[in-house]
């Protein structure tokens, strides 16, 4: 009787073990878990600007494309702008995975990635950057220093201008003037002998009104969005730098995506980059007509002053990057001077 009970218990134990081992080694269950097959992934995204500011136009285009192509695979879920995460904190949020995706200027991340300053010095198209090593080098830098994968950029061909409330005939006229800056053009303003003043975009209007600053830098389109045209008199030419708005994805999140999901994001980014060049050219022409129609004057520096102005712009940023990044600075300089591969 005891033998019969022992045999029965032993049989039950063996069957239980076989079932347990079988379930644990199932390749199909493991694959479903690892590849997220059948699961639509939503990427939480935040932008550096309020939703309707035109610096977000590329993001809106990218999100629309991804959400159409990626149905059932991957979607972008827009959480908002600086009201969700302050613009200067955005890079840390995507690095640590608080959000999956960030849309921001490269120069807003220089505290974490000092090489990001040189991004604005490129004169290449996004397509050229993917061929000459610029894209790959920055992707390497962002992955190592910001735990982020670089998808692409949203303002190709768009440049910066300085805008002032005082007349400018020569570069000497800038000396001692308080000019609102971001890290993008801080070194240029300093080289001009002006006084760089850091102010959030939302506070620029009142700063102009109270003469806390008498000038500022901004892309060649967008000041109408903020209402700054009402407090501005002059647009300084030539323009400088290429506006450096980027799409970054947290590297851990990117690595968790399937090849199919990554392809949706990559293909949509390439499409966005191609359309945004023409998009911003049209916006610049349209806004310049609006601004001159309101009485703003375009000041064109002389050829000699323009050459000096643009040299200040390039050297100020490049020298800072070379000093802060002995590893990557020379590599970036080589590509930017068009002597790279």
Foldseek 3Di string as FASTA:
>chain_A
DVVVVVVVVVVVVVVVVVVVVVVVPDPVVVCCVQAVPQHEAEFEEEEQDFDPFCQCVLVVLLQVLLCVVQVSHYHYDYPGYVVVPHNLCQLQCQLVVVGFKYKHFLLSPCVQQVLSLCLQLAPDAQVVCVVQVNQVLVQVSCCVRRQKGFQGFQAPPWFKWKFFQDDDAFLQVQAAFEEEEGSNCQQLSVVSNYHYDHDDLLCVQVCLVVSVGGMYMDILAGVVVSPCLVSTAEIEDDTATGTGITMIGRNVVVVSHHPVSVVSSNVSSVVSSVPNNVVVVVRSVVVVVVSVVVNHYYDYHDPVRNVVSHCSSNCSSLVSSCVVPVPCSVVSVCVRVVNGD
